[in-house]
C-alpha atoms as a PDB file:
ATOM      1  CA  MET A   1     -40.775 -16.351  15.627  1.00  0.00           C
ATOM      2  CA  LYS A   2     -39.437 -12.811  16.993  1.00  0.00           C
ATOM      3  CA  HIS A   3     -35.907 -14.948  17.287  1.00  0.00           C
ATOM      4  CA  THR A   4     -36.188 -16.666  14.262  1.00  0.00           C
ATOM      5  CA  PHE A   5     -36.789 -12.748  12.854  1.00  0.00           C
ATOM      6  CA  ILE A   6     -33.847 -11.110  14.797  1.00  0.00           C
ATOM      7  CA  LYS A   7     -31.578 -14.262  13.609  1.00  0.00           C
ATOM      8  CA  LEU A   8     -32.287 -14.689  10.570  1.00  0.00           C
ATOM      9  CA  THR A   9     -31.797 -10.675   9.946  1.00  0.00           C
ATOM     10  CA  LEU A  10     -28.458 -10.798  11.540  1.00  0.00           C
ATOM     11  CA  ALA A  11     -27.217 -14.280   9.423  1.00  0.00           C
ATOM     12  CA  THR A  12     -28.162 -11.354   6.712  1.00  0.00           C
ATOM     13  CA  SER A  13     -26.957  -8.135   7.724  1.00  0.00           C
ATOM     14  CA  LEU A  14     -23.661 -10.908   8.274  1.00  0.00           C
ATOM     15  CA  ALA A  15     -23.530 -12.028   4.203  1.00  0.00           C
ATOM     16  CA  LEU A  16     -24.438  -8.944   2.919  1.00  0.00           C
ATOM     17  CA  THR A  17     -21.213  -7.297   4.752  1.00  0.00           C
ATOM     18  CA  GLY A  18     -18.427  -9.900   4.285  1.00  0.00           C
ATOM     19  CA  TRP A  19     -19.824  -9.893   0.537  1.00  0.00           C
ATOM     20  CA  THR A  20     -19.205  -5.737   0.520  1.00  0.00           C
ATOM     21  CA  ALA A  21     -15.806  -6.262   2.272  1.00  0.00           C
ATOM     22  CA  MET A  22     -14.535  -9.134  -0.151  1.00  0.00           C
ATOM     23  CA  ALA A  23     -15.791  -7.540  -3.787  1.00  0.00           C
ATOM     24  CA  ALA A  24     -14.404  -3.901  -1.689  1.00  0.00           C
ATOM     25  CA  GLY A  25     -11.903  -5.385  -1.497  1.00  0.00           C
ATOM     26  CA  ASP A  26     -10.103  -4.528  -4.692  1.00  0.00           C
ATOM     27  CA  HIS A  27      -9.436  -1.229  -5.631  1.00  0.00           C
ATOM     28  CA  GLY A  28      -5.870  -0.867  -6.801  1.00  0.00           C
ATOM     29  CA  HIS A  29      -4.470   0.142  -3.379  1.00  0.00           C
ATOM     30  CA  ASP A  30      -1.392  -2.138  -2.452  1.00  0.00           C
ATOM     31  CA  ALA A  31       1.191  -1.808  -3.442  1.00  0.00           C
ATOM     32  CA  LYS A  32       2.389  -3.225  -6.214  1.00  0.00           C
ATOM     33  CA  PHE A  33       6.271  -2.118  -6.123  1.00  0.00           C
ATOM     34  CA  GLY A  34       7.100  -2.355  -2.599  1.00  0.00           C
ATOM     35  CA  GLY A  35       6.323   1.021  -1.563  1.00  0.00           C
ATOM     36  CA  VAL A  36       3.725   2.964   0.923  1.00  0.00           C
ATOM     37  CA  VAL A  37       0.257   3.844  -1.083  1.00  0.00           C
ATOM     38  CA  VAL A  38      -1.445   6.550  -0.636  1.00  0.00           C
ATOM     39  CA  GLU A  39      -4.970   8.509  -2.386  1.00  0.00           C
ATOM     40  CA  THR A  40      -4.610  11.654  -3.566  1.00  0.00           C
ATOM     41  CA  LYS A  41      -7.204  13.620  -5.719  1.00  0.00           C
ATOM     42  CA  ALA A  42      -4.542  12.966  -8.822  1.00  0.00           C
ATOM     43  CA  GLY A  43      -5.420   9.517  -8.603  1.00  0.00           C
ATOM     44  CA  ASP A  44      -3.635   7.187  -5.942  1.00  0.00           C
ATOM     45  CA  LEU A  45       0.700   7.380  -5.632  1.00  0.00           C
ATOM     46  CA  GLU A  46       2.576   4.896  -4.086  1.00  0.00           C
ATOM     47  CA  ILE A  47       5.943   6.501  -3.302  1.00  0.00           C
ATOM     48  CA  VAL A  48       9.144   3.543  -3.698  1.00  0.00           C
ATOM     49  CA  ALA A  49      12.288   5.423  -2.091  1.00  0.00           C
ATOM     50  CA  LYS A  50      15.509   3.850  -1.159  1.00  0.00           C
ATOM     51  CA  PRO A  51      18.605   4.862  -0.593  1.00  0.00           C
ATOM     52  CA  ASP A  52      20.149   5.490  -4.477  1.00  0.00           C
ATOM     53  CA  VAL A  53      16.400   6.507  -6.483  1.00  0.00           C
ATOM     54  CA  LEU A  54      13.009   7.602  -5.403  1.00  0.00           C
ATOM     55  CA  GLN A  55       9.853   6.752  -6.909  1.00  0.00           C
ATOM     56  CA  ILE A  56       6.093   7.408  -7.833  1.00  0.00           C
ATOM     57  CA  TYR A  57       3.459   5.125  -9.747  1.00  0.00           C
ATOM     58  CA  ILE A  58       0.129   6.982 -10.461  1.00  0.00           C
ATOM     59  CA  SER A  59      -2.949   4.822 -10.970  1.00  0.00           C
ATOM     60  CA  ASP A  60      -6.790   5.391 -11.127  1.00  0.00           C
ATOM     61  CA  HIS A  61      -8.040   2.116  -9.673  1.00  0.00           C
ATOM     62  CA  GLY A  62      -5.756   0.098  -9.764  1.00  0.00           C
ATOM     63  CA  LYS A  63      -4.651   1.623 -13.971  1.00  0.00           C
ATOM     64  CA  PRO A  64      -1.966   3.708 -14.706  1.00  0.00           C
ATOM     65  CA  MET A  65      -0.978   7.009 -15.481  1.00  0.00           C
ATOM     66  CA  ARG A  66      -0.292   9.113 -18.039  1.00  0.00           C
ATOM     67  CA  LEU A  67       1.975  10.949 -17.375  1.00  0.00           C
ATOM     68  CA  ASP A  68       2.636  13.008 -20.457  1.00  0.00           C
ATOM     69  CA  GLY A  69       3.956  16.231 -18.855  1.00  0.00           C
ATOM     70  CA  ALA A  70       3.374  15.111 -15.241  1.00  0.00           C
ATOM     71  CA  LYS A  71       6.085  16.120 -12.781  1.00  0.00           C
ATOM     72  CA  ALA A  72       7.298  15.858  -8.730  1.00  0.00           C
ATOM     73  CA  LYS A  73       8.874  17.083  -5.487  1.00  0.00           C
ATOM     74  CA  VAL A  74       9.193  14.715  -2.560  1.00  0.00           C
ATOM     75  CA  THR A  75      10.358  16.058   1.085  1.00  0.00           C
ATOM     76  CA  LEU A  76      12.179  13.094   3.064  1.00  0.00           C
ATOM     77  CA  LEU A  77      12.165  14.042   6.835  1.00  0.00           C
ATOM     78  CA  ASN A  78      14.732  12.666   9.530  1.00  0.00           C
ATOM     79  CA  GLY A  79      14.539  14.622  12.505  1.00  0.00           C
ATOM     80  CA  THR A  80      16.163  17.702  11.702  1.00  0.00           C
ATOM     81  CA  GLU A  81      16.930  16.651   8.054  1.00  0.00           C
ATOM     82  CA  LYS A  82      15.335  17.749   5.518  1.00  0.00           C
ATOM     83  CA  SER A  83      15.806  16.927   1.917  1.00  0.00           C
ATOM     84  CA  GLU A  84      14.882  17.385  -1.274  1.00  0.00           C
ATOM     85  CA  ALA A  85      14.267  15.567  -4.851  1.00  0.00           C
ATOM     86  CA  GLU A  86      12.230  17.188  -8.562  1.00  0.00           C
ATOM     87  CA  LEU A  87      11.158  13.342  -9.632  1.00  0.00           C
ATOM     88  CA  LEU A  88      10.586  14.143 -13.101  1.00  0.00           C
ATOM     89  CA  PRO A  89       8.865  11.068 -16.043  1.00  0.00           C
ATOM     90  CA  VAL A  90      10.930   8.102 -16.833  1.00  0.00           C
ATOM     91  CA  GLY A  91       8.702   5.107 -18.099  1.00  0.00           C
ATOM     92  CA  ASP A  92       5.557   4.563 -16.085  1.00  0.00           C
ATOM     93  CA  LYS A  93       6.899   6.290 -12.931  1.00  0.00           C
ATOM     94  CA  LEU A  94       7.963   9.289 -11.633  1.00  0.00           C
ATOM     95  CA  GLU A  95      11.948   8.487 -10.694  1.00  0.00           C
ATOM     96  CA  ALA A  96      14.830  10.008  -9.475  1.00  0.00           C
ATOM     97  CA  LYS A  97      18.564   9.111  -8.812  1.00  0.00           C
ATOM     98  CA  GLY A  98      20.653  10.557  -6.066  1.00  0.00           C
ATOM     99  CA  THR A  99      21.278   9.407  -3.029  1.00  0.00           C
ATOM    100  CA  PHE A 100      18.775   9.581  -0.559  1.00  0.00           C
ATOM    101  CA  LYS A 101      18.640   9.065   3.811  1.00  0.00           C
ATOM    102  CA  ALA A 102      15.249   6.782   3.303  1.00  0.00           C
ATOM    103  CA  VAL A 103      15.341   4.357   6.128  1.00  0.00           C
ATOM    104  CA  LYS A 104      12.237   2.974   8.403  1.00  0.00           C
ATOM    105  CA  GLY A 105      10.045   5.902  10.460  1.00  0.00           C
ATOM    106  CA  THR A 106      10.812   8.819   7.384  1.00  0.00           C
ATOM    107  CA  LYS A 107       8.695  11.008   7.097  1.00  0.00           C
ATOM    108  CA  GLY A 108       7.926  12.790   3.753  1.00  0.00           C
ATOM    109  CA  ILE A 109       5.490  14.604   1.907  1.00  0.00           C
ATOM    110  CA  ALA A 110       4.799  14.281  -2.402  1.00  0.00           C
ATOM    111  CA  VAL A 111       3.209  16.726  -4.554  1.00  0.00           C
ATOM    112  CA  VAL A 112       3.045  15.906  -7.190  1.00  0.00           C
ATOM    113  CA  THR A 113       1.781  17.873 -11.038  1.00  0.00           C
ATOM    114  CA  LEU A 114      -0.126  15.978 -13.418  1.00  0.00           C
ATOM    115  CA  ALA A 115      -0.781  18.814 -16.848  1.00  0.00           C
ATOM    116  CA  GLY A 116      -3.915  21.076 -16.659  1.00  0.00           C
ATOM    117  CA  LYS A 117      -4.435  19.615 -13.430  1.00  0.00           C
ATOM    118  CA  PRO A 118      -3.290  20.815  -9.796  1.00  0.00           C
ATOM    119  CA  PRO A 119      -1.200  19.758  -8.036  1.00  0.00           C
ATOM    120  CA  ALA A 120      -1.880  16.852  -5.372  1.00  0.00           C
ATOM    121  CA  THR A 121      -0.121  16.447  -2.020  1.00  0.00           C
ATOM    122  CA  ALA A 122       0.261  13.615  -0.286  1.00  0.00           C
ATOM    123  CA  ARG A 123       2.239  13.301   3.323  1.00  0.00           C
ATOM    124  CA  PHE A 124       3.840   9.332   4.268  1.00  0.00           C
ATOM    125  CA  GLU A 125       6.167   7.315   6.763  1.00  0.00           C
ATOM    126  CA  LEU A 126       8.444   4.763   5.251  1.00  0.00           C
ATOM    127  CA  LYS A 127       7.862   1.251   6.720  1.00  0.00           C
END
């Protein structure tokens, strides 16, 4: 009887754990634009860094956020090299065009300011 109870408890626990993991799986934290996703107090940031453009998509649990009055500053670090860019709203993202050293292993810091909210800082590394 004791072994049956333990087995039943274990089976129930494993089933609930699997269900919870499936239910928790979709919080909008997956990269949708090929970037790196970082959770911040301002929302989820997907930072896309390419040699000719820097973009930040901001969402609240997968739902795009309004970017009126938003801005960002991104600092890219490659060893001792440092470059900075100011990003402004362009459609559904913050964006800066130019020439950037954005390669695998590049580390960065993004400071995002949304209208009426304190700045949010995100550290990231390009994959």
